[in-house]
Amino acid sequence: MLAGENVKRMIENRFKCNPQLLEEYLTVINVTLATSSRRESSRIIGHFIDFLNGERPTPDSAARCLSRFAEHSQNSRARYTHTLSAFFFWLSGERLPCPRQSP
């Protein structure tokens, strides 16, 4: 994908509803990820979209969502953070405001 196409997609994403964003992102990960990774990514992104409850996805809302998993293992938190970070990079080119630490 060319850089100009990425910018165009990111601008178009601003006007899409959450279910449409989820559907389009799942299409992207179905092409690029292995089966087990696809299932896990779609599960995590689905939880995030449900958490939003109609609100627009923002890095701050992702940080709030991730804070709910504080009691999970460090590996799980890193996986959730990585998945949401990849989603936001696809969505708008933004980075999450929380550090991504490897376990």
N, C-alpha and C. Protein backbone atom coordinates (compact mmCIF):
# COMPACT_ATOMS: atom_id res chain seq x y z
N MET A 1 0.84 -1.17 0.00
CA MET A 1 0.00 0.00 0.00
C MET A 1 0.89 1.24 0.00
N LEU A 2 0.59 2.18 -0.81
CA LEU A 2 1.37 3.39 -0.90
C LEU A 2 1.07 4.32 0.27
N ALA A 3 2.01 5.19 0.58
CA ALA A 3 1.86 6.11 1.71
C ALA A 3 0.61 6.97 1.55
N GLY A 4 0.34 7.45 0.35
CA GLY A 4 -0.85 8.27 0.11
C GLY A 4 -2.13 7.50 0.36
N GLU A 5 -2.13 6.21 0.04
CA GLU A 5 -3.30 5.37 0.30
C GLU A 5 -3.51 5.19 1.80
N ASN A 6 -2.42 5.07 2.55
CA ASN A 6 -2.53 4.94 4.01
C ASN A 6 -3.17 6.18 4.60
N VAL A 7 -2.73 7.34 4.18
CA VAL A 7 -3.28 8.60 4.70
C VAL A 7 -4.76 8.70 4.34
N LYS A 8 -5.10 8.36 3.12
CA LYS A 8 -6.50 8.41 2.67
C LYS A 8 -7.36 7.48 3.53
N ARG A 9 -6.87 6.25 3.79
CA ARG A 9 -7.61 5.29 4.61
C ARG A 9 -7.79 5.82 6.02
N MET A 10 -6.73 6.41 6.60
CA MET A 10 -6.81 6.93 7.96
C MET A 10 -7.83 8.06 8.06
N ILE A 11 -7.90 8.91 7.05
CA ILE A 11 -8.89 9.99 7.04
C ILE A 11 -10.30 9.42 6.92
N GLU A 12 -10.48 8.44 6.03
CA GLU A 12 -11.79 7.82 5.86
C GLU A 12 -12.23 7.11 7.14
N ASN A 13 -11.27 6.52 7.88
CA ASN A 13 -11.62 5.81 9.11
C ASN A 13 -12.25 6.71 10.16
N ARG A 14 -11.97 8.00 10.12
CA ARG A 14 -12.52 8.94 11.09
C ARG A 14 -14.04 9.02 11.01
N PHE A 15 -14.60 8.68 9.86
CA PHE A 15 -16.04 8.84 9.64
C PHE A 15 -16.79 7.52 9.66
N LYS A 16 -16.11 6.44 10.00
CA LYS A 16 -16.75 5.12 10.02
C LYS A 16 -17.22 4.78 11.42
N CYS A 17 -18.31 4.02 11.49
CA CYS A 17 -18.81 3.57 12.79
C CYS A 17 -17.95 2.39 13.29
N ASN A 18 -18.03 2.13 14.58
CA ASN A 18 -17.19 1.09 15.18
C ASN A 18 -17.37 -0.29 14.55
N PRO A 19 -18.61 -0.75 14.29
CA PRO A 19 -18.74 -2.07 13.67
C PRO A 19 -18.07 -2.14 12.29
N GLN A 20 -18.14 -1.05 11.55
CA GLN A 20 -17.50 -1.02 10.24
C GLN A 20 -15.97 -1.05 10.38
N LEU A 21 -15.44 -0.31 11.35
CA LEU A 21 -14.00 -0.35 11.61
C LEU A 21 -13.56 -1.75 11.99
N LEU A 22 -14.33 -2.41 12.86
CA LEU A 22 -14.01 -3.77 13.29
C LEU A 22 -14.00 -4.71 12.10
N GLU A 23 -15.02 -4.64 11.27
CA GLU A 23 -15.12 -5.52 10.10
C GLU A 23 -13.93 -5.32 9.15
N GLU A 24 -13.59 -4.07 8.88
CA GLU A 24 -12.48 -3.80 7.97
C GLU A 24 -11.14 -4.23 8.56
N TYR A 25 -10.94 -4.02 9.86
CA TYR A 25 -9.68 -4.43 10.47
C TYR A 25 -9.58 -5.95 10.51
N LEU A 26 -10.68 -6.63 10.78
CA LEU A 26 -10.65 -8.10 10.77
C LEU A 26 -10.33 -8.63 9.38
N THR A 27 -10.78 -7.95 8.35
CA THR A 27 -10.42 -8.34 6.99
C THR A 27 -8.91 -8.21 6.78
N VAL A 28 -8.33 -7.15 7.29
CA VAL A 28 -6.88 -6.94 7.17
C VAL A 28 -6.12 -8.03 7.90
N ILE A 29 -6.52 -8.33 9.14
CA ILE A 29 -5.76 -9.33 9.90
C ILE A 29 -5.99 -10.74 9.37
N ASN A 30 -7.13 -10.99 8.75
CA ASN A 30 -7.36 -12.31 8.14
C ASN A 30 -6.39 -12.58 7.01
N VAL A 31 -5.93 -11.54 6.36
CA VAL A 31 -4.98 -11.69 5.26
C VAL A 31 -3.55 -11.76 5.76
N THR A 32 -3.26 -11.08 6.86
CA THR A 32 -1.86 -10.92 7.27
C THR A 32 -1.41 -11.80 8.42
N LEU A 33 -2.32 -12.36 9.22
CA LEU A 33 -1.91 -13.11 10.40
C LEU A 33 -2.20 -14.60 10.27
N ALA A 34 -1.48 -15.39 11.04
CA ALA A 34 -1.74 -16.83 11.13
C ALA A 34 -3.07 -17.05 11.85
N THR A 35 -3.64 -18.24 11.70
CA THR A 35 -4.97 -18.53 12.24
C THR A 35 -5.08 -18.27 13.73
N SER A 36 -4.14 -18.76 14.53
CA SER A 36 -4.23 -18.56 15.98
C SER A 36 -4.13 -17.08 16.34
N SER A 37 -3.27 -16.35 15.67
CA SER A 37 -3.14 -14.92 15.91
C SER A 37 -4.39 -14.16 15.50
N ARG A 38 -5.01 -14.59 14.41
CA ARG A 38 -6.26 -13.96 13.95
C ARG A 38 -7.35 -14.08 15.00
N ARG A 39 -7.50 -15.28 15.54
CA ARG A 39 -8.54 -15.50 16.55
C ARG A 39 -8.31 -14.63 17.78
N GLU A 40 -7.07 -14.61 18.25
CA GLU A 40 -6.75 -13.82 19.45
C GLU A 40 -6.92 -12.33 19.19
N SER A 41 -6.43 -11.85 18.05
CA SER A 41 -6.56 -10.43 17.72
C SER A 41 -8.02 -10.03 17.56
N SER A 42 -8.81 -10.85 16.88
CA SER A 42 -10.22 -10.50 16.70
C SER A 42 -10.96 -10.52 18.04
N ARG A 43 -10.58 -11.43 18.93
CA ARG A 43 -11.19 -11.49 20.26
C ARG A 43 -10.87 -10.21 21.05
N ILE A 44 -9.62 -9.80 21.05
CA ILE A 44 -9.19 -8.62 21.81
C ILE A 44 -9.83 -7.35 21.23
N ILE A 45 -9.80 -7.21 19.91
CA ILE A 45 -10.40 -6.03 19.28
C ILE A 45 -11.91 -6.02 19.51
N GLY A 46 -12.54 -7.18 19.47
CA GLY A 46 -13.97 -7.27 19.76
C GLY A 46 -14.30 -6.80 21.17
N HIS A 47 -13.47 -7.21 22.15
CA HIS A 47 -13.65 -6.74 23.53
C HIS A 47 -13.49 -5.23 23.62
N PHE A 48 -12.53 -4.70 22.88
CA PHE A 48 -12.30 -3.26 22.90
C PHE A 48 -13.49 -2.51 22.30
N ILE A 49 -14.02 -2.97 21.19
CA ILE A 49 -15.17 -2.32 20.56
C ILE A 49 -16.37 -2.38 21.50
N ASP A 50 -16.57 -3.53 22.18
CA ASP A 50 -17.65 -3.64 23.16
C ASP A 50 -17.44 -2.66 24.32
N PHE A 51 -16.19 -2.54 24.77
CA PHE A 51 -15.85 -1.62 25.86
C PHE A 51 -16.21 -0.18 25.48
N LEU A 52 -16.02 0.17 24.22
CA LEU A 52 -16.29 1.54 23.78
C LEU A 52 -17.76 1.92 23.88
N ASN A 53 -18.64 0.93 23.69
CA ASN A 53 -20.07 1.17 23.81
C ASN A 53 -20.52 2.34 22.93
N GLY A 54 -20.08 2.36 21.68
CA GLY A 54 -20.48 3.39 20.72
C GLY A 54 -19.57 4.60 20.67
N GLU A 55 -18.70 4.76 21.64
CA GLU A 55 -17.74 5.88 21.67
C GLU A 55 -16.69 5.66 20.58
N ARG A 56 -16.16 6.75 20.06
CA ARG A 56 -15.09 6.65 19.05
C ARG A 56 -13.82 6.10 19.70
N PRO A 57 -13.09 5.21 19.01
CA PRO A 57 -11.83 4.71 19.58
C PRO A 57 -10.77 5.81 19.61
N THR A 58 -10.15 5.97 20.76
CA THR A 58 -9.04 6.91 20.93
C THR A 58 -7.94 6.20 21.72
N PRO A 59 -6.72 6.69 21.64
CA PRO A 59 -5.67 6.09 22.47
C PRO A 59 -6.00 6.13 23.96
N ASP A 60 -6.68 7.18 24.42
CA ASP A 60 -7.07 7.26 25.83
C ASP A 60 -8.08 6.18 26.20
N SER A 61 -9.03 5.92 25.29
CA SER A 61 -10.00 4.85 25.58
C SER A 61 -9.32 3.49 25.57
N ALA A 62 -8.30 3.31 24.75
CA ALA A 62 -7.54 2.06 24.75
C ALA A 62 -6.79 1.90 26.07
N ALA A 63 -6.22 2.98 26.58
CA ALA A 63 -5.51 2.92 27.87
C ALA A 63 -6.49 2.58 28.99
N ARG A 64 -7.69 3.15 28.95
CA ARG A 64 -8.71 2.82 29.96
C ARG A 64 -9.10 1.35 29.87
N CYS A 65 -9.27 0.86 28.66
CA CYS A 65 -9.62 -0.54 28.45
C CYS A 65 -8.51 -1.45 28.96
N LEU A 66 -7.28 -1.12 28.64
CA LEU A 66 -6.14 -1.94 29.08
C LEU A 66 -6.00 -1.95 30.60
N SER A 67 -6.39 -0.87 31.25
CA SER A 67 -6.26 -0.80 32.71
C SER A 67 -7.16 -1.83 33.40
N ARG A 68 -8.19 -2.30 32.71
CA ARG A 68 -9.07 -3.32 33.27
C ARG A 68 -8.36 -4.67 33.41
N PHE A 69 -7.25 -4.85 32.72
CA PHE A 69 -6.55 -6.13 32.71
C PHE A 69 -5.31 -6.12 33.61
N ALA A 70 -5.28 -5.26 34.58
CA ALA A 70 -4.11 -5.12 35.45
C ALA A 70 -3.80 -6.41 36.20
N GLU A 71 -4.81 -7.20 36.49
CA GLU A 71 -4.59 -8.44 37.24
C GLU A 71 -4.15 -9.61 36.35
N HIS A 72 -4.17 -9.43 35.06
CA HIS A 72 -3.74 -10.49 34.14
C HIS A 72 -2.21 -10.61 34.16
N SER A 73 -1.72 -11.70 33.60
CA SER A 73 -0.27 -11.90 33.56
C SER A 73 0.40 -10.86 32.67
N GLN A 74 1.67 -10.70 32.88
CA GLN A 74 2.43 -9.72 32.09
C GLN A 74 2.39 -10.09 30.61
N ASN A 75 2.44 -11.39 30.29
CA ASN A 75 2.35 -11.82 28.88
C ASN A 75 1.02 -11.42 28.27
N SER A 76 -0.07 -11.61 29.00
CA SER A 76 -1.39 -11.25 28.49
C SER A 76 -1.50 -9.75 28.28
N ARG A 77 -1.05 -8.97 29.24
CA ARG A 77 -1.10 -7.50 29.10
C ARG A 77 -0.28 -7.03 27.91
N ALA A 78 0.89 -7.65 27.69
CA ALA A 78 1.72 -7.28 26.54
C ALA A 78 1.02 -7.64 25.24
N ARG A 79 0.36 -8.79 25.20
CA ARG A 79 -0.36 -9.21 24.00
C ARG A 79 -1.52 -8.27 23.71
N TYR A 80 -2.29 -7.90 24.74
CA TYR A 80 -3.41 -6.99 24.56
C TYR A 80 -2.92 -5.62 24.09
N THR A 81 -1.85 -5.14 24.70
CA THR A 81 -1.30 -3.84 24.32
C THR A 81 -0.80 -3.86 22.89
N HIS A 82 -0.10 -4.91 22.52
CA HIS A 82 0.41 -5.01 21.15
C HIS A 82 -0.75 -5.04 20.14
N THR A 83 -1.79 -5.80 20.45
CA THR A 83 -2.93 -5.90 19.53
C THR A 83 -3.62 -4.55 19.36
N LEU A 84 -3.87 -3.85 20.47
CA LEU A 84 -4.51 -2.54 20.36
C LEU A 84 -3.60 -1.51 19.71
N SER A 85 -2.31 -1.63 19.94
CA SER A 85 -1.36 -0.72 19.30
C SER A 85 -1.39 -0.90 17.78
N ALA A 86 -1.41 -2.15 17.35
CA ALA A 86 -1.47 -2.42 15.90
C ALA A 86 -2.79 -1.90 15.32
N PHE A 87 -3.88 -2.06 16.05
CA PHE A 87 -5.18 -1.55 15.60
C PHE A 87 -5.13 -0.04 15.43
N PHE A 88 -4.58 0.66 16.42
CA PHE A 88 -4.52 2.12 16.33
C PHE A 88 -3.58 2.60 15.24
N PHE A 89 -2.50 1.88 15.02
CA PHE A 89 -1.61 2.27 13.94
C PHE A 89 -2.33 2.13 12.60
N TRP A 90 -3.11 1.06 12.44
CA TRP A 90 -3.90 0.88 11.22
C TRP A 90 -4.99 1.95 11.13
N LEU A 91 -5.64 2.23 12.26
CA LEU A 91 -6.78 3.16 12.28
C LEU A 91 -6.38 4.58 11.96
N SER A 92 -5.32 5.07 12.63
CA SER A 92 -5.03 6.51 12.50
C SER A 92 -3.55 6.85 12.49
N GLY A 93 -2.70 5.86 12.61
CA GLY A 93 -1.27 6.14 12.69
C GLY A 93 -0.84 6.59 14.07
N GLU A 94 -1.77 6.63 15.03
CA GLU A 94 -1.46 7.07 16.40
C GLU A 94 -0.80 5.94 17.19
N ARG A 95 -0.04 6.33 18.18
CA ARG A 95 0.58 5.38 19.11
C ARG A 95 -0.18 5.44 20.42
N LEU A 96 -0.21 4.33 21.12
CA LEU A 96 -0.87 4.31 22.42
C LEU A 96 -0.04 5.09 23.44
N PRO A 97 -0.70 5.73 24.42
CA PRO A 97 0.02 6.52 25.42
C PRO A 97 0.68 5.68 26.50
N CYS A 98 0.56 4.36 26.44
CA CYS A 98 1.16 3.50 27.45
C CYS A 98 2.37 2.77 26.85
N PRO A 99 3.35 2.48 27.67
CA PRO A 99 4.54 1.79 27.15
C PRO A 99 4.21 0.35 26.80
N ARG A 100 4.87 -0.15 25.77
CA ARG A 100 4.72 -1.55 25.41
C ARG A 100 5.96 -2.26 25.92
N GLN A 101 5.79 -2.97 27.01
CA GLN A 101 6.92 -3.69 27.60
C GLN A 101 6.82 -5.15 27.23
N SER A 102 7.94 -5.72 26.88
CA SER A 102 7.99 -7.15 26.62
C SER A 102 8.08 -7.88 27.94
N PRO A 103 7.45 -9.04 28.03
CA PRO A 103 7.53 -9.81 29.28
C PRO A 103 8.91 -10.35 29.52
